[in-house]
PDB file of N, CA and C in Angstrom:
ATOM      1  N   ARG A   1      14.853 -49.671 -24.761  1.00  0.00           N
ATOM      2  CA  ARG A   1      13.491 -50.071 -24.497  1.00  0.00           C
ATOM      3  C   ARG A   1      13.382 -50.730 -23.142  1.00  0.00           C
ATOM      4  N   PRO A   2      12.240 -50.666 -22.533  1.00  0.00           N
ATOM      5  CA  PRO A   2      12.069 -51.293 -21.228  1.00  0.00           C
ATOM      6  C   PRO A   2      12.206 -52.806 -21.265  1.00  0.00           C
ATOM      7  N   ALA A   3      11.888 -53.438 -22.385  1.00  0.00           N
ATOM      8  CA  ALA A   3      11.936 -54.896 -22.450  1.00  0.00           C
ATOM      9  C   ALA A   3      13.361 -55.414 -22.640  1.00  0.00           C
ATOM     10  N   ALA A   4      14.211 -54.600 -23.190  1.00  0.00           N
ATOM     11  CA  ALA A   4      15.574 -55.048 -23.461  1.00  0.00           C
ATOM     12  C   ALA A   4      16.403 -54.979 -22.179  1.00  0.00           C
ATOM     13  N   ARG A   5      17.041 -56.084 -21.853  1.00  0.00           N
ATOM     14  CA  ARG A   5      17.900 -56.125 -20.665  1.00  0.00           C
ATOM     15  C   ARG A   5      19.356 -56.234 -21.093  1.00  0.00           C
ATOM     16  N   ALA A   6      20.174 -55.604 -20.342  1.00  0.00           N
ATOM     17  CA  ALA A   6      21.604 -55.696 -20.623  1.00  0.00           C
ATOM     18  C   ALA A   6      22.089 -57.096 -20.269  1.00  0.00           C
ATOM     19  N   LYS A   7      22.982 -57.613 -21.087  1.00  0.00           N
ATOM     20  CA  LYS A   7      23.544 -58.933 -20.813  1.00  0.00           C
ATOM     21  C   LYS A   7      24.483 -58.831 -19.618  1.00  0.00           C
ATOM     22  N   THR A   8      24.427 -59.831 -18.764  1.00  0.00           N
ATOM     23  CA  THR A   8      25.336 -59.837 -17.624  1.00  0.00           C
ATOM     24  C   THR A   8      26.715 -60.270 -18.096  1.00  0.00           C
ATOM     25  N   LYS A   9      27.696 -59.518 -17.688  1.00  0.00           N
ATOM     26  CA  LYS A   9      29.069 -59.816 -18.083  1.00  0.00           C
ATOM     27  C   LYS A   9      29.713 -60.705 -17.036  1.00  0.00           C
ATOM     28  N   GLN A  10      30.629 -61.534 -17.494  1.00  0.00           N
ATOM     29  CA  GLN A  10      31.353 -62.389 -16.570  1.00  0.00           C
ATOM     30  C   GLN A  10      32.289 -61.521 -15.733  1.00  0.00           C
ATOM     31  N   LYS A  11      32.355 -61.825 -14.437  1.00  0.00           N
ATOM     32  CA  LYS A  11      33.182 -61.049 -13.530  1.00  0.00           C
ATOM     33  C   LYS A  11      34.655 -61.258 -13.868  1.00  0.00           C
ATOM     34  N   ARG A  12      35.393 -60.160 -13.876  1.00  0.00           N
ATOM     35  CA  ARG A  12      36.820 -60.236 -14.158  1.00  0.00           C
ATOM     36  C   ARG A  12      37.570 -60.824 -12.982  1.00  0.00           C
ATOM     37  N   GLY A  13      38.592 -61.568 -13.257  1.00  0.00           N
ATOM     38  CA  GLY A  13      39.422 -62.147 -12.199  1.00  0.00           C
ATOM     39  C   GLY A  13      40.429 -61.123 -11.700  1.00  0.00           C
ATOM     40  N   ARG A  14      41.455 -61.627 -11.048  1.00  0.00           N
ATOM     41  CA  ARG A  14      42.497 -60.736 -10.537  1.00  0.00           C
ATOM     42  C   ARG A  14      43.165 -60.011 -11.693  1.00  0.00           C
ATOM     43  N   ARG A  15      43.475 -58.761 -11.472  1.00  0.00           N
ATOM     44  CA  ARG A  15      44.124 -57.966 -12.505  1.00  0.00           C
ATOM     45  C   ARG A  15      45.635 -57.909 -12.304  1.00  0.00           C
ATOM     46  N   ARG A  16      46.050 -58.196 -11.087  1.00  0.00           N
ATOM     47  CA  ARG A  16      47.479 -58.161 -10.766  1.00  0.00           C
ATOM     48  C   ARG A  16      47.836 -59.412  -9.989  1.00  0.00           C
ATOM     49  N   PRO A  17      49.100 -59.788 -10.001  1.00  0.00           N
ATOM     50  CA  PRO A  17      49.498 -60.931  -9.164  1.00  0.00           C
ATOM     51  C   PRO A  17      49.330 -60.590  -7.684  1.00  0.00           C
ATOM     52  N   ASP A  18      49.024 -61.595  -6.890  1.00  0.00           N
ATOM     53  CA  ASP A  18      48.790 -61.403  -5.457  1.00  0.00           C
ATOM     54  C   ASP A  18      50.106 -61.050  -4.765  1.00  0.00           C
ATOM     55  N   PRO A  19      50.220 -59.844  -4.186  1.00  0.00           N
ATOM     56  CA  PRO A  19      51.478 -59.450  -3.547  1.00  0.00           C
ATOM     57  C   PRO A  19      51.743 -60.184  -2.236  1.00  0.00           C
ATOM     58  N   LEU A  20      50.720 -60.798  -1.646  1.00  0.00           N
ATOM     59  CA  LEU A  20      50.884 -61.492  -0.366  1.00  0.00           C
ATOM     60  C   LEU A  20      50.864 -63.010  -0.526  1.00  0.00           C
ATOM     61  N   LEU A  21      50.997 -63.486  -1.746  1.00  0.00           N
ATOM     62  CA  LEU A  21      50.877 -64.918  -2.020  1.00  0.00           C
ATOM     63  C   LEU A  21      51.868 -65.753  -1.205  1.00  0.00           C
ATOM     64  N   LYS A  22      53.110 -65.304  -1.102  1.00  0.00           N
ATOM     65  CA  LYS A  22      54.142 -66.082  -0.405  1.00  0.00           C
ATOM     66  C   LYS A  22      53.912 -66.177   1.099  1.00  0.00           C
ATOM     67  N   VAL A  23      53.210 -65.210   1.675  1.00  0.00           N
ATOM     68  CA  VAL A  23      53.057 -65.163   3.131  1.00  0.00           C
ATOM     69  C   VAL A  23      51.616 -65.357   3.591  1.00  0.00           C
ATOM     70  N   THR A  24      50.725 -65.708   2.690  1.00  0.00           N
ATOM     71  CA  THR A  24      49.319 -65.876   3.065  1.00  0.00           C
ATOM     72  C   THR A  24      49.154 -66.949   4.131  1.00  0.00           C
ATOM     73  N   GLY A  25      49.877 -68.042   4.014  1.00  0.00           N
ATOM     74  CA  GLY A  25      49.793 -69.111   5.011  1.00  0.00           C
ATOM     75  C   GLY A  25      50.221 -68.641   6.388  1.00  0.00           C
ATOM     76  N   ARG A  26      51.299 -67.884   6.442  1.00  0.00           N
ATOM     77  CA  ARG A  26      51.787 -67.372   7.723  1.00  0.00           C
ATOM     78  C   ARG A  26      50.802 -66.360   8.309  1.00  0.00           C
ATOM     79  N   LEU A  27      50.274 -65.478   7.457  1.00  0.00           N
ATOM     80  CA  LEU A  27      49.291 -64.500   7.934  1.00  0.00           C
ATOM     81  C   LEU A  27      48.045 -65.198   8.460  1.00  0.00           C
ATOM     82  N   ARG A  28      47.611 -66.245   7.762  1.00  0.00           N
ATOM     83  CA  ARG A  28      46.419 -66.982   8.200  1.00  0.00           C
ATOM     84  C   ARG A  28      46.677 -67.663   9.542  1.00  0.00           C
ATOM     85  N   ALA A  29      47.889 -68.198   9.720  1.00  0.00           N
ATOM     86  CA  ALA A  29      48.236 -68.835  10.994  1.00  0.00           C
ATOM     87  C   ALA A  29      48.222 -67.805  12.126  1.00  0.00           C
ATOM     88  N   TRP A  30      48.770 -66.623  11.873  1.00  0.00           N
ATOM     89  CA  TRP A  30      48.750 -65.565  12.885  1.00  0.00           C
ATOM     90  C   TRP A  30      47.313 -65.184  13.215  1.00  0.00           C
ATOM     91  N   PHE A  31      46.477 -65.084  12.182  1.00  0.00           N
ATOM     92  CA  PHE A  31      45.075 -64.729  12.401  1.00  0.00           C
ATOM     93  C   PHE A  31      44.367 -65.808  13.211  1.00  0.00           C
ATOM     94  N   ASP A  32      44.620 -67.073  12.898  1.00  0.00           N
ATOM     95  CA  ASP A  32      43.965 -68.163  13.623  1.00  0.00           C
ATOM     96  C   ASP A  32      44.385 -68.193  15.093  1.00  0.00           C
ATOM     97  N   GLU A  33      45.660 -67.858  15.365  1.00  0.00           N
ATOM     98  CA  GLU A  33      46.146 -67.833  16.745  1.00  0.00           C
ATOM     99  C   GLU A  33      45.543 -66.667  17.531  1.00  0.00           C
ATOM    100  N   GLU A  34      45.486 -65.501  16.899  1.00  0.00           N
ATOM    101  CA  GLU A  34      45.015 -64.282  17.566  1.00  0.00           C
ATOM    102  C   GLU A  34      44.045 -63.528  16.647  1.00  0.00           C
ATOM    103  N   PRO A  35      42.790 -63.959  16.577  1.00  0.00           N
ATOM    104  CA  PRO A  35      41.854 -63.338  15.625  1.00  0.00           C
ATOM    105  C   PRO A  35      41.466 -61.899  15.962  1.00  0.00           C
ATOM    106  N   TRP A  36      41.797 -61.421  17.138  1.00  0.00           N
ATOM    107  CA  TRP A  36      41.454 -60.048  17.505  1.00  0.00           C
ATOM    108  C   TRP A  36      42.452 -59.039  16.949  1.00  0.00           C
ATOM    109  N   ARG A  37      43.571 -59.503  16.410  1.00  0.00           N
ATOM    110  CA  ARG A  37      44.577 -58.588  15.867  1.00  0.00           C
ATOM    111  C   ARG A  37      44.028 -57.850  14.647  1.00  0.00           C
ATOM    112  N   THR A  38      44.452 -56.600  14.495  1.00  0.00           N
ATOM    113  CA  THR A  38      44.029 -55.813  13.339  1.00  0.00           C
ATOM    114  C   THR A  38      44.958 -56.094  12.164  1.00  0.00           C
ATOM    115  N   SER A  39      44.524 -55.694  10.991  1.00  0.00           N
ATOM    116  CA  SER A  39      45.360 -55.891   9.811  1.00  0.00           C
ATOM    117  C   SER A  39      46.629 -55.048   9.911  1.00  0.00           C
ATOM    118  N   ARG A  40      46.545 -53.893  10.544  1.00  0.00           N
ATOM    119  CA  ARG A  40      47.733 -53.057  10.736  1.00  0.00           C
ATOM    120  C   ARG A  40      48.763 -53.795  11.590  1.00  0.00           C
ATOM    121  N   GLU A  41      48.308 -54.434  12.665  1.00  0.00           N
ATOM    122  CA  GLU A  41      49.226 -55.170  13.539  1.00  0.00           C
ATOM    123  C   GLU A  41      49.870 -56.340  12.798  1.00  0.00           C
ATOM    124  N   LEU A  42      49.095 -57.026  11.976  1.00  0.00           N
ATOM    125  CA  LEU A  42      49.661 -58.140  11.210  1.00  0.00           C
ATOM    126  C   LEU A  42      50.664 -57.638  10.179  1.00  0.00           C
ATOM    127  N   LEU A  43      50.356 -56.512   9.536  1.00  0.00           N
ATOM    128  CA  LEU A  43      51.275 -55.955   8.547  1.00  0.00           C
ATOM    129  C   LEU A  43      52.569 -55.494   9.210  1.00  0.00           C
ATOM    130  N   VAL A  44      52.474 -54.857  10.358  1.00  0.00           N
ATOM    131  CA  VAL A  44      53.680 -54.412  11.078  1.00  0.00           C
ATOM    132  C   VAL A  44      54.534 -55.620  11.455  1.00  0.00           C
ATOM    133  N   ARG A  45      53.898 -56.675  11.923  1.00  0.00           N
ATOM    134  CA  ARG A  45      54.634 -57.896  12.289  1.00  0.00           C
ATOM    135  C   ARG A  45      55.339 -58.485  11.068  1.00  0.00           C
ATOM    136  N   LEU A  46      54.654 -58.484   9.940  1.00  0.00           N
ATOM    137  CA  LEU A  46      55.247 -58.986   8.703  1.00  0.00           C
ATOM    138  C   LEU A  46      56.408 -58.102   8.264  1.00  0.00           C
ATOM    139  N   GLN A  47      56.244 -56.794   8.388  1.00  0.00           N
ATOM    140  CA  GLN A  47      57.310 -55.867   8.006  1.00  0.00           C
ATOM    141  C   GLN A  47      58.523 -55.993   8.923  1.00  0.00           C
ATOM    142  N   GLU A  48      58.304 -56.331  10.191  1.00  0.00           N
ATOM    143  CA  GLU A  48      59.430 -56.531  11.107  1.00  0.00           C
ATOM    144  C   GLU A  48      60.198 -57.798  10.753  1.00  0.00           C
ATOM    145  N   GLU A  49      59.486 -58.828  10.318  1.00  0.00           N
ATOM    146  CA  GLU A  49      60.147 -60.081   9.941  1.00  0.00           C
ATOM    147  C   GLU A  49      60.884 -59.954   8.616  1.00  0.00           C
ATOM    148  N   GLN A  50      60.293 -59.223   7.682  1.00  0.00           N
ATOM    149  CA  GLN A  50      60.886 -59.084   6.354  1.00  0.00           C
ATOM    150  C   GLN A  50      60.904 -57.604   5.968  1.00  0.00           C
ATOM    151  N   PRO A  51      61.851 -56.850   6.524  1.00  0.00           N
ATOM    152  CA  PRO A  51      61.873 -55.402   6.274  1.00  0.00           C
ATOM    153  C   PRO A  51      62.097 -55.076   4.794  1.00  0.00           C
ATOM    154  N   GLY A  52      61.357 -54.076   4.333  1.00  0.00           N
ATOM    155  CA  GLY A  52      61.530 -53.596   2.969  1.00  0.00           C
ATOM    156  C   GLY A  52      60.789 -54.378   1.904  1.00  0.00           C
ATOM    157  N   GLN A  53      60.168 -55.490   2.246  1.00  0.00           N
ATOM    158  CA  GLN A  53      59.503 -56.307   1.229  1.00  0.00           C
ATOM    159  C   GLN A  53      58.019 -56.028   1.105  1.00  0.00           C
ATOM    160  N   TYR A  54      57.377 -55.634   2.181  1.00  0.00           N
ATOM    161  CA  TYR A  54      55.927 -55.439   2.176  1.00  0.00           C
ATOM    162  C   TYR A  54      55.607 -54.017   2.634  1.00  0.00           C
ATOM    163  N   PRO A  55      55.314 -53.113   1.671  1.00  0.00           N
ATOM    164  CA  PRO A  55      55.078 -51.703   2.017  1.00  0.00           C
ATOM    165  C   PRO A  55      53.716 -51.479   2.669  1.00  0.00           C
ATOM    166  N   ASP A  56      53.546 -50.280   3.213  1.00  0.00           N
ATOM    167  CA  ASP A  56      52.292 -49.904   3.871  1.00  0.00           C
ATOM    168  C   ASP A  56      51.105 -49.906   2.908  1.00  0.00           C
ATOM    169  N   GLN A  57      51.363 -49.806   1.602  1.00  0.00           N
ATOM    170  CA  GLN A  57      50.280 -49.786   0.622  1.00  0.00           C
ATOM    171  C   GLN A  57      49.501 -51.098   0.592  1.00  0.00           C
ATOM    172  N   LEU A  58      50.035 -52.150   1.187  1.00  0.00           N
ATOM    173  CA  LEU A  58      49.338 -53.438   1.207  1.00  0.00           C
ATOM    174  C   LEU A  58      48.310 -53.534   2.330  1.00  0.00           C
ATOM    175  N   LEU A  59      48.176 -52.476   3.122  1.00  0.00           N
ATOM    176  CA  LEU A  59      47.246 -52.511   4.251  1.00  0.00           C
ATOM    177  C   LEU A  59      45.820 -52.794   3.789  1.00  0.00           C
ATOM    178  N   ARG A  60      45.355 -52.106   2.756  1.00  0.00           N
ATOM    179  CA  ARG A  60      43.974 -52.299   2.291  1.00  0.00           C
ATOM    180  C   ARG A  60      43.773 -53.717   1.760  1.00  0.00           C
ATOM    181  N   THR A  61      44.761 -54.267   1.085  1.00  0.00           N
ATOM    182  CA  THR A  61      44.679 -55.648   0.602  1.00  0.00           C
ATOM    183  C   THR A  61      44.537 -56.603   1.776  1.00  0.00           C
ATOM    184  N   LEU A  62      45.326 -56.377   2.805  1.00  0.00           N
ATOM    185  CA  LEU A  62      45.264 -57.227   3.993  1.00  0.00           C
ATOM    186  C   LEU A  62      43.937 -57.048   4.731  1.00  0.00           C
ATOM    187  N   GLN A  63      43.400 -55.842   4.735  1.00  0.00           N
ATOM    188  CA  GLN A  63      42.095 -55.609   5.362  1.00  0.00           C
ATOM    189  C   GLN A  63      41.003 -56.408   4.654  1.00  0.00           C
ATOM    190  N   ARG A  64      41.046 -56.439   3.328  1.00  0.00           N
ATOM    191  CA  ARG A  64      40.061 -57.216   2.569  1.00  0.00           C
ATOM    192  C   ARG A  64      40.180 -58.702   2.894  1.00  0.00           C
ATOM    193  N   ARG A  65      41.412 -59.174   2.987  1.00  0.00           N
ATOM    194  CA  ARG A  65      41.632 -60.586   3.284  1.00  0.00           C
ATOM    195  C   ARG A  65      41.135 -60.935   4.685  1.00  0.00           C
ATOM    196  N   LEU A  66      41.420 -60.076   5.662  1.00  0.00           N
ATOM    197  CA  LEU A  66      40.954 -60.310   7.032  1.00  0.00           C
ATOM    198  C   LEU A  66      39.435 -60.294   7.112  1.00  0.00           C
ATOM    199  N   LYS A  67      38.810 -59.451   6.327  1.00  0.00           N
ATOM    200  CA  LYS A  67      37.341 -59.402   6.301  1.00  0.00           C
ATOM    201  C   LYS A  67      36.775 -60.754   5.872  1.00  0.00           C
ATOM    202  N   ILE A  68      37.372 -61.362   4.874  1.00  0.00           N
ATOM    203  CA  ILE A  68      36.930 -62.684   4.405  1.00  0.00           C
ATOM    204  C   ILE A  68      37.183 -63.731   5.480  1.00  0.00           C
ATOM    205  N   TRP A  69      38.362 -63.713   6.094  1.00  0.00           N
ATOM    206  CA  TRP A  69      38.698 -64.706   7.117  1.00  0.00           C
ATOM    207  C   TRP A  69      37.793 -64.575   8.331  1.00  0.00           C
ATOM    208  N   ARG A  70      37.488 -63.342   8.722  1.00  0.00           N
ATOM    209  CA  ARG A  70      36.593 -63.146   9.870  1.00  0.00           C
ATOM    210  C   ARG A  70      35.189 -63.643   9.559  1.00  0.00           C
ATOM    211  N   LYS A  71      34.751 -63.421   8.340  1.00  0.00           N
ATOM    212  CA  LYS A  71      33.431 -63.903   7.922  1.00  0.00           C
ATOM    213  C   LYS A  71      33.389 -65.427   7.984  1.00  0.00           C
ATOM    214  N   GLU A  72      34.448 -66.083   7.498  1.00  0.00           N
ATOM    215  CA  GLU A  72      34.516 -67.550   7.548  1.00  0.00           C
ATOM    216  C   GLU A  72      34.507 -68.047   8.989  1.00  0.00           C
ATOM    217  N   LYS A  73      35.280 -67.382   9.853  1.00  0.00           N
ATOM    218  CA  LYS A  73      35.366 -67.801  11.254  1.00  0.00           C
ATOM    219  C   LYS A  73      34.025 -67.613  11.960  1.00  0.00           C
ATOM    220  N   ALA A  74      33.347 -66.501  11.697  1.00  0.00           N
ATOM    221  CA  ALA A  74      32.035 -66.259  12.303  1.00  0.00           C
ATOM    222  C   ALA A  74      31.023 -67.294  11.817  1.00  0.00           C
ATOM    223  N   HIS A  75      31.071 -67.610  10.541  1.00  0.00           N
ATOM    224  CA  HIS A  75      30.157 -68.620   9.991  1.00  0.00           C
ATOM    225  C   HIS A  75      30.407 -69.971  10.648  1.00  0.00           C
ATOM    226  N   ALA A  76      31.677 -70.312  10.831  1.00  0.00           N
ATOM    227  CA  ALA A  76      32.018 -71.592  11.466  1.00  0.00           C
ATOM    228  C   ALA A  76      31.559 -71.624  12.920  1.00  0.00           C
ATOM    229  N   MET A  77      31.623 -70.489  13.611  1.00  0.00           N
ATOM    230  CA  MET A  77      31.188 -70.448  15.008  1.00  0.00           C
ATOM    231  C   MET A  77      29.674 -70.625  15.119  1.00  0.00           C
ATOM    232  N   VAL A  78      28.937 -70.070  14.173  1.00  0.00           N
ATOM    233  CA  VAL A  78      27.479 -70.129  14.235  1.00  0.00           C
ATOM    234  C   VAL A  78      26.940 -71.433  13.658  1.00  0.00           C
ATOM    235  N   PHE A  79      27.425 -71.811  12.478  1.00  0.00           N
ATOM    236  CA  PHE A  79      26.860 -72.947  11.759  1.00  0.00           C
ATOM    237  C   PHE A  79      27.755 -74.177  11.732  1.00  0.00           C
ATOM    238  N   GLY A  80      28.951 -74.095  12.266  1.00  0.00           N
ATOM    239  CA  GLY A  80      29.902 -75.196  12.185  1.00  0.00           C
ATOM    240  C   GLY A  80      30.809 -74.989  10.986  1.00  0.00           C
ATOM    241  N   PRO A  81      31.856 -75.797  10.872  1.00  0.00           N
ATOM    242  CA  PRO A  81      32.792 -75.645   9.756  1.00  0.00           C
ATOM    243  C   PRO A  81      32.088 -75.783   8.409  1.00  0.00           C
ATOM    244  N   MET A  82      32.574 -75.039   7.420  1.00  0.00           N
ATOM    245  CA  MET A  82      31.949 -75.038   6.103  1.00  0.00           C
ATOM    246  C   MET A  82      32.220 -76.327   5.331  1.00  0.00           C
ATOM    247  N   HIS A  83      33.407 -76.866   5.441  1.00  0.00           N
ATOM    248  CA  HIS A  83      33.798 -78.022   4.641  1.00  0.00           C
ATOM    249  C   HIS A  83      33.947 -79.245   5.538  1.00  0.00           C
ATOM    250  N   VAL A  84      32.852 -79.792   5.956  1.00  0.00           N
ATOM    251  CA  VAL A  84      32.879 -80.955   6.836  1.00  0.00           C
ATOM    252  C   VAL A  84      32.513 -82.183   6.017  1.00  0.00           C
ATOM    253  N   GLU A  85      33.361 -83.182   6.102  1.00  0.00           N
ATOM    254  CA  GLU A  85      33.067 -84.441   5.420  1.00  0.00           C
ATOM    255  C   GLU A  85      32.001 -85.186   6.210  1.00  0.00           C
ATOM    256  N   PRO A  86      31.028 -85.771   5.536  1.00  0.00           N
ATOM    257  CA  PRO A  86      30.024 -86.543   6.270  1.00  0.00           C
ATOM    258  C   PRO A  86      30.672 -87.767   6.904  1.00  0.00           C
ATOM    259  N   PRO A  87      30.208 -88.165   8.071  1.00  0.00           N
ATOM    260  CA  PRO A  87      30.807 -89.331   8.721  1.00  0.00           C
ATOM    261  C   PRO A  87      30.572 -90.582   7.883  1.00  0.00           C
ATOM    262  N   ILE A  88      31.583 -91.420   7.853  1.00  0.00           N
ATOM    263  CA  ILE A  88      31.495 -92.661   7.082  1.00  0.00           C
ATOM    264  C   ILE A  88      30.987 -93.756   8.004  1.00  0.00           C
ATOM    265  N   GLU A  89      29.880 -94.326   7.625  1.00  0.00           N
ATOM    266  CA  GLU A  89      29.266 -95.392   8.417  1.00  0.00           C
ATOM    267  C   GLU A  89      29.955 -96.713   8.072  1.00  0.00           C
ATOM    268  N   PRO A  90      30.278 -97.529   9.065  1.00  0.00           N
ATOM    269  CA  PRO A  90      30.853 -98.839   8.746  1.00  0.00           C
ATOM    270  C   PRO A  90      29.798 -99.705   8.055  1.00  0.00           C
ATOM    271  N   MET A  91      30.258-100.456   7.094  1.00  0.00           N
ATOM    272  CA  MET A  91      29.332-101.313   6.341  1.00  0.00           C
ATOM    273  C   MET A  91      28.963-102.533   7.170  1.00  0.00           C
ATOM    274  N   ALA A  92      27.694-102.841   7.191  1.00  0.00           N
ATOM    275  CA  ALA A  92      27.222-104.027   7.919  1.00  0.00           C
ATOM    276  C   ALA A  92      27.369-105.241   7.016  1.00  0.00           C
ATOM    277  N   ASN A  93      27.906-106.308   7.548  1.00  0.00           N
ATOM    278  CA  ASN A  93      28.078-107.534   6.749  1.00  0.00           C
ATOM    279  C   ASN A  93      26.899-108.429   6.883  1.00  0.00           C
TER     280      ASN A  93
END
């Protein structure tokens, strides 16, 4: 019926363990140093440091991650950092 609406389902979380969990910090540091690098270049650099551990199939995963990081960086450039603590005013006695 037109009046009946489908119930919204809760979004599913990750279905598999994160294959880049151990190196996410290092990848983020590389991205912060050189944000113009492509995900392919970052993956090749990772594969050179740790041969045989990170296959080419992780390229799409890394592309998704870089897309999020670039979005965060662009937002910070336009609007300022996302997580800024408000300045603490000294208390007047």
